N, C-alpha and C. Protein backbone atom coordinates (compact mmCIF):
# COMPACT_ATOMS: atom_id res chain seq x y z
N MET A 1 -18.33 8.10 -0.38
CA MET A 1 -17.44 8.74 -1.31
C MET A 1 -16.00 8.31 -0.99
N LYS A 2 -15.27 7.96 -2.01
CA LYS A 2 -13.89 7.53 -1.83
C LYS A 2 -12.98 8.74 -1.71
N ILE A 3 -12.14 8.72 -0.70
CA ILE A 3 -11.18 9.80 -0.50
C ILE A 3 -9.86 9.35 -1.09
N THR A 4 -9.35 10.12 -2.04
CA THR A 4 -8.10 9.75 -2.68
C THR A 4 -6.97 10.63 -2.16
N LYS A 5 -5.82 10.04 -2.02
CA LYS A 5 -4.63 10.79 -1.66
C LYS A 5 -4.15 11.50 -2.92
N PRO A 6 -3.45 12.61 -2.78
CA PRO A 6 -2.93 13.29 -3.97
C PRO A 6 -2.08 12.37 -4.85
N ALA A 7 -1.38 11.41 -4.22
CA ALA A 7 -0.52 10.51 -4.98
C ALA A 7 -1.34 9.53 -5.82
N ASP A 8 -2.63 9.39 -5.51
CA ASP A 8 -3.48 8.46 -6.24
C ASP A 8 -4.07 9.06 -7.52
N THR A 9 -3.94 10.36 -7.70
CA THR A 9 -4.56 11.00 -8.84
C THR A 9 -3.78 10.69 -10.12
N THR A 10 -4.49 10.68 -11.21
CA THR A 10 -3.87 10.42 -12.50
C THR A 10 -2.81 11.47 -12.82
N GLU A 11 -3.10 12.72 -12.48
CA GLU A 11 -2.15 13.79 -12.77
C GLU A 11 -0.82 13.57 -12.04
N CYS A 12 -0.91 13.16 -10.79
CA CYS A 12 0.30 12.93 -10.00
C CYS A 12 1.11 11.78 -10.59
N LYS A 13 0.41 10.72 -10.97
CA LYS A 13 1.11 9.57 -11.55
C LYS A 13 1.75 9.95 -12.89
N GLU A 14 1.03 10.72 -13.69
CA GLU A 14 1.59 11.16 -14.97
C GLU A 14 2.83 12.03 -14.76
N ARG A 15 2.75 12.93 -13.77
CA ARG A 15 3.89 13.79 -13.46
C ARG A 15 5.09 12.96 -13.00
N ALA A 16 4.84 11.95 -12.17
CA ALA A 16 5.91 11.09 -11.68
C ALA A 16 6.55 10.30 -12.82
N VAL A 17 5.72 9.74 -13.69
CA VAL A 17 6.24 8.97 -14.83
C VAL A 17 7.06 9.88 -15.74
N LYS A 18 6.57 11.09 -15.95
CA LYS A 18 7.29 12.04 -16.80
C LYS A 18 8.67 12.36 -16.22
N ARG A 19 8.75 12.55 -14.91
CA ARG A 19 10.03 12.84 -14.27
C ARG A 19 11.01 11.69 -14.43
N VAL A 20 10.51 10.47 -14.30
CA VAL A 20 11.39 9.30 -14.46
C VAL A 20 11.88 9.22 -15.89
N LYS A 21 10.99 9.47 -16.86
CA LYS A 21 11.38 9.42 -18.26
C LYS A 21 12.38 10.52 -18.61
N GLU A 22 12.34 11.63 -17.85
CA GLU A 22 13.29 12.72 -18.07
C GLU A 22 14.64 12.44 -17.44
N GLY A 23 14.75 11.34 -16.70
CA GLY A 23 16.04 10.95 -16.15
C GLY A 23 16.16 10.99 -14.64
N GLN A 24 15.14 11.45 -13.96
CA GLN A 24 15.21 11.48 -12.50
C GLN A 24 15.06 10.04 -11.98
N SER A 25 15.74 9.72 -10.90
CA SER A 25 15.68 8.35 -10.38
C SER A 25 14.31 8.05 -9.77
N ILE A 26 13.93 6.79 -9.82
CA ILE A 26 12.66 6.37 -9.25
C ILE A 26 12.65 6.66 -7.76
N ARG A 27 13.75 6.38 -7.09
CA ARG A 27 13.83 6.60 -5.64
C ARG A 27 13.57 8.06 -5.29
N ALA A 28 14.15 8.98 -6.05
CA ALA A 28 13.97 10.42 -5.78
C ALA A 28 12.53 10.85 -6.01
N VAL A 29 11.92 10.35 -7.07
CA VAL A 29 10.54 10.71 -7.38
C VAL A 29 9.60 10.16 -6.31
N VAL A 30 9.83 8.92 -5.90
CA VAL A 30 9.00 8.29 -4.87
C VAL A 30 9.07 9.09 -3.58
N LYS A 31 10.26 9.47 -3.19
CA LYS A 31 10.46 10.21 -1.94
C LYS A 31 9.81 11.58 -2.01
N GLU A 32 9.96 12.24 -3.14
CA GLU A 32 9.44 13.60 -3.29
C GLU A 32 7.91 13.65 -3.33
N LEU A 33 7.30 12.72 -4.05
CA LEU A 33 5.86 12.77 -4.25
C LEU A 33 5.06 11.90 -3.28
N GLY A 34 5.74 11.07 -2.50
CA GLY A 34 5.03 10.24 -1.54
C GLY A 34 4.35 9.03 -2.16
N LEU A 35 4.80 8.64 -3.33
CA LEU A 35 4.26 7.44 -3.97
C LEU A 35 4.97 6.22 -3.43
N GLY A 36 4.36 5.06 -3.63
CA GLY A 36 5.05 3.82 -3.32
C GLY A 36 5.94 3.44 -4.50
N ASP A 37 7.02 2.76 -4.20
CA ASP A 37 7.96 2.35 -5.24
C ASP A 37 7.26 1.49 -6.29
N GLN A 38 6.52 0.50 -5.83
CA GLN A 38 5.83 -0.40 -6.75
C GLN A 38 4.74 0.33 -7.53
N THR A 39 4.09 1.28 -6.89
CA THR A 39 3.05 2.06 -7.57
C THR A 39 3.64 2.81 -8.76
N LEU A 40 4.79 3.41 -8.54
CA LEU A 40 5.43 4.15 -9.63
C LEU A 40 5.88 3.20 -10.74
N ARG A 41 6.43 2.06 -10.37
CA ARG A 41 6.85 1.10 -11.40
C ARG A 41 5.66 0.62 -12.24
N ARG A 42 4.54 0.36 -11.56
CA ARG A 42 3.33 -0.04 -12.30
C ARG A 42 2.84 1.10 -13.19
N GLY A 43 2.97 2.34 -12.69
CA GLY A 43 2.58 3.51 -13.47
C GLY A 43 3.41 3.66 -14.72
N ILE A 44 4.71 3.40 -14.61
CA ILE A 44 5.60 3.48 -15.77
C ILE A 44 5.20 2.43 -16.80
N LYS A 45 4.93 1.23 -16.31
CA LYS A 45 4.53 0.14 -17.21
C LYS A 45 3.19 0.46 -17.88
N ALA A 46 2.23 0.96 -17.09
CA ALA A 46 0.91 1.29 -17.63
C ALA A 46 1.01 2.43 -18.63
N SER A 47 1.88 3.39 -18.35
CA SER A 47 2.07 4.51 -19.27
C SER A 47 2.61 4.02 -20.61
N ALA A 48 3.55 3.08 -20.54
CA ALA A 48 4.11 2.54 -21.78
C ALA A 48 3.04 1.81 -22.59
N GLU A 49 2.07 1.23 -21.89
CA GLU A 49 0.98 0.52 -22.57
C GLU A 49 -0.19 1.43 -22.88
N GLY A 50 -0.13 2.69 -22.45
CA GLY A 50 -1.20 3.65 -22.70
C GLY A 50 -2.41 3.44 -21.82
N GLN A 51 -2.21 2.86 -20.64
CA GLN A 51 -3.35 2.55 -19.77
C GLN A 51 -3.21 3.17 -18.38
N LEU A 52 -2.53 4.28 -18.25
CA LEU A 52 -2.33 4.91 -16.96
C LEU A 52 -3.63 5.54 -16.48
N THR A 53 -4.07 5.15 -15.28
CA THR A 53 -5.29 5.69 -14.69
C THR A 53 -5.02 6.07 -13.25
N GLY A 54 -5.93 6.81 -12.67
CA GLY A 54 -5.80 7.22 -11.27
C GLY A 54 -6.26 6.13 -10.34
N ALA A 55 -6.76 6.55 -9.19
CA ALA A 55 -7.26 5.61 -8.20
C ALA A 55 -8.39 4.80 -8.82
N GLY A 56 -8.64 3.65 -8.24
CA GLY A 56 -9.67 2.76 -8.78
C GLY A 56 -10.99 3.46 -9.00
N SER A 57 -11.70 3.06 -10.01
CA SER A 57 -12.97 3.70 -10.34
C SER A 57 -14.09 3.20 -9.45
N ARG A 58 -13.83 2.12 -8.73
CA ARG A 58 -14.84 1.54 -7.86
C ARG A 58 -14.92 2.34 -6.57
N VAL A 59 -16.12 2.71 -6.16
CA VAL A 59 -16.32 3.46 -4.94
C VAL A 59 -16.43 2.48 -3.78
N VAL A 60 -15.67 2.74 -2.73
CA VAL A 60 -15.67 1.87 -1.56
C VAL A 60 -16.60 2.48 -0.51
N THR A 61 -17.56 1.67 -0.05
CA THR A 61 -18.52 2.15 0.94
C THR A 61 -17.88 2.17 2.32
N PRO A 62 -18.43 2.95 3.23
CA PRO A 62 -17.90 2.95 4.60
C PRO A 62 -17.94 1.56 5.25
N GLU A 63 -18.96 0.78 4.92
CA GLU A 63 -19.05 -0.57 5.47
C GLU A 63 -17.91 -1.45 4.98
N GLU A 64 -17.55 -1.29 3.71
CA GLU A 64 -16.44 -2.08 3.16
C GLU A 64 -15.12 -1.65 3.78
N ARG A 65 -14.94 -0.36 4.02
CA ARG A 65 -13.73 0.11 4.67
C ARG A 65 -13.63 -0.43 6.10
N GLU A 66 -14.76 -0.40 6.82
CA GLU A 66 -14.78 -0.92 8.18
C GLU A 66 -14.49 -2.41 8.19
N LEU A 67 -15.06 -3.15 7.26
CA LEU A 67 -14.81 -4.59 7.16
C LEU A 67 -13.34 -4.86 6.88
N SER A 68 -12.75 -4.08 6.00
CA SER A 68 -11.34 -4.24 5.69
C SER A 68 -10.48 -3.95 6.92
N ARG A 69 -10.82 -2.89 7.64
CA ARG A 69 -10.08 -2.54 8.84
C ARG A 69 -10.18 -3.64 9.89
N LEU A 70 -11.40 -4.17 10.06
CA LEU A 70 -11.61 -5.23 11.05
C LEU A 70 -10.87 -6.51 10.67
N ARG A 71 -10.82 -6.82 9.39
CA ARG A 71 -10.08 -8.01 8.94
C ARG A 71 -8.58 -7.84 9.22
N ALA A 72 -8.07 -6.65 8.96
CA ALA A 72 -6.65 -6.39 9.23
C ALA A 72 -6.37 -6.50 10.73
N GLU A 73 -7.25 -5.94 11.54
CA GLU A 73 -7.07 -6.01 12.99
C GLU A 73 -7.16 -7.45 13.47
N ASN A 74 -8.09 -8.21 12.93
CA ASN A 74 -8.24 -9.62 13.29
C ASN A 74 -6.96 -10.39 12.96
N GLY A 75 -6.38 -10.16 11.81
CA GLY A 75 -5.13 -10.82 11.44
C GLY A 75 -4.00 -10.46 12.38
N ARG A 76 -3.91 -9.17 12.73
CA ARG A 76 -2.88 -8.72 13.66
C ARG A 76 -3.04 -9.38 15.01
N LEU A 77 -4.28 -9.45 15.50
CA LEU A 77 -4.53 -10.06 16.80
C LEU A 77 -4.23 -11.56 16.79
N LYS A 78 -4.52 -12.23 15.69
CA LYS A 78 -4.19 -13.66 15.58
C LYS A 78 -2.68 -13.88 15.64
N ARG A 79 -1.92 -13.01 14.94
CA ARG A 79 -0.45 -13.12 14.97
C ARG A 79 0.07 -12.88 16.39
N GLU A 80 -0.48 -11.87 17.07
CA GLU A 80 -0.06 -11.59 18.44
C GLU A 80 -0.38 -12.76 19.35
N ASN A 81 -1.54 -13.38 19.15
CA ASN A 81 -1.95 -14.52 19.96
C ASN A 81 -0.99 -15.69 19.77
N GLU A 82 -0.57 -15.92 18.54
CA GLU A 82 0.39 -17.00 18.26
C GLU A 82 1.72 -16.74 18.95
N ILE A 83 2.15 -15.50 18.94
CA ILE A 83 3.41 -15.14 19.60
C ILE A 83 3.30 -15.41 21.10
N LEU A 84 2.18 -15.02 21.70
CA LEU A 84 1.98 -15.24 23.13
C LEU A 84 1.93 -16.73 23.46
N LYS A 85 1.31 -17.52 22.61
CA LYS A 85 1.26 -18.97 22.83
C LYS A 85 2.66 -19.56 22.82
N LYS A 86 3.46 -19.15 21.85
CA LYS A 86 4.83 -19.66 21.76
C LYS A 86 5.66 -19.22 22.95
N ALA A 87 5.50 -17.97 23.37
CA ALA A 87 6.25 -17.46 24.51
C ALA A 87 5.85 -18.21 25.78
N THR A 88 4.58 -18.47 25.97
CA THR A 88 4.09 -19.19 27.15
C THR A 88 4.67 -20.60 27.17
N ALA A 89 4.65 -21.26 26.01
CA ALA A 89 5.21 -22.62 25.92
C ALA A 89 6.69 -22.60 26.23
N SER A 90 7.39 -21.62 25.75
CA SER A 90 8.84 -21.51 25.99
C SER A 90 9.13 -21.28 27.47
N PHE A 91 8.39 -20.41 28.11
CA PHE A 91 8.60 -20.14 29.54
C PHE A 91 8.24 -21.36 30.37
N ALA A 92 7.18 -22.05 30.01
CA ALA A 92 6.78 -23.25 30.75
C ALA A 92 7.86 -24.32 30.64
N ARG A 93 8.47 -24.44 29.50
CA ARG A 93 9.53 -25.42 29.29
C ARG A 93 10.76 -25.08 30.13
N ASP A 94 11.08 -23.78 30.24
CA ASP A 94 12.23 -23.34 31.01
C ASP A 94 12.03 -23.56 32.51
N VAL A 95 10.82 -23.43 33.00
CA VAL A 95 10.51 -23.57 34.42
C VAL A 95 10.67 -25.03 34.85
N LEU A 96 10.28 -25.94 34.00
CA LEU A 96 10.35 -27.37 34.34
C LEU A 96 11.72 -27.85 34.18
């Protein structure tokens, strides 16, 4: 079962879009409701097109979430490894 944050619900997005249309700044709405800036901008655009929806309709399985988490961790570890390689090369150069 997919767990949605309150900011992912259609009602929350509709409320945020309504506040912006009433004149409240995007920054203020984003800060107050915990939405992402880009999420709200996409919501405004979708609302104008009549296609505003909540969180994705696709259900994400626990295995898919774990795979996504592991891929993100793998990427982070690769970046850290590259940094360590560069630092080692730099220190070795300074010693000689």
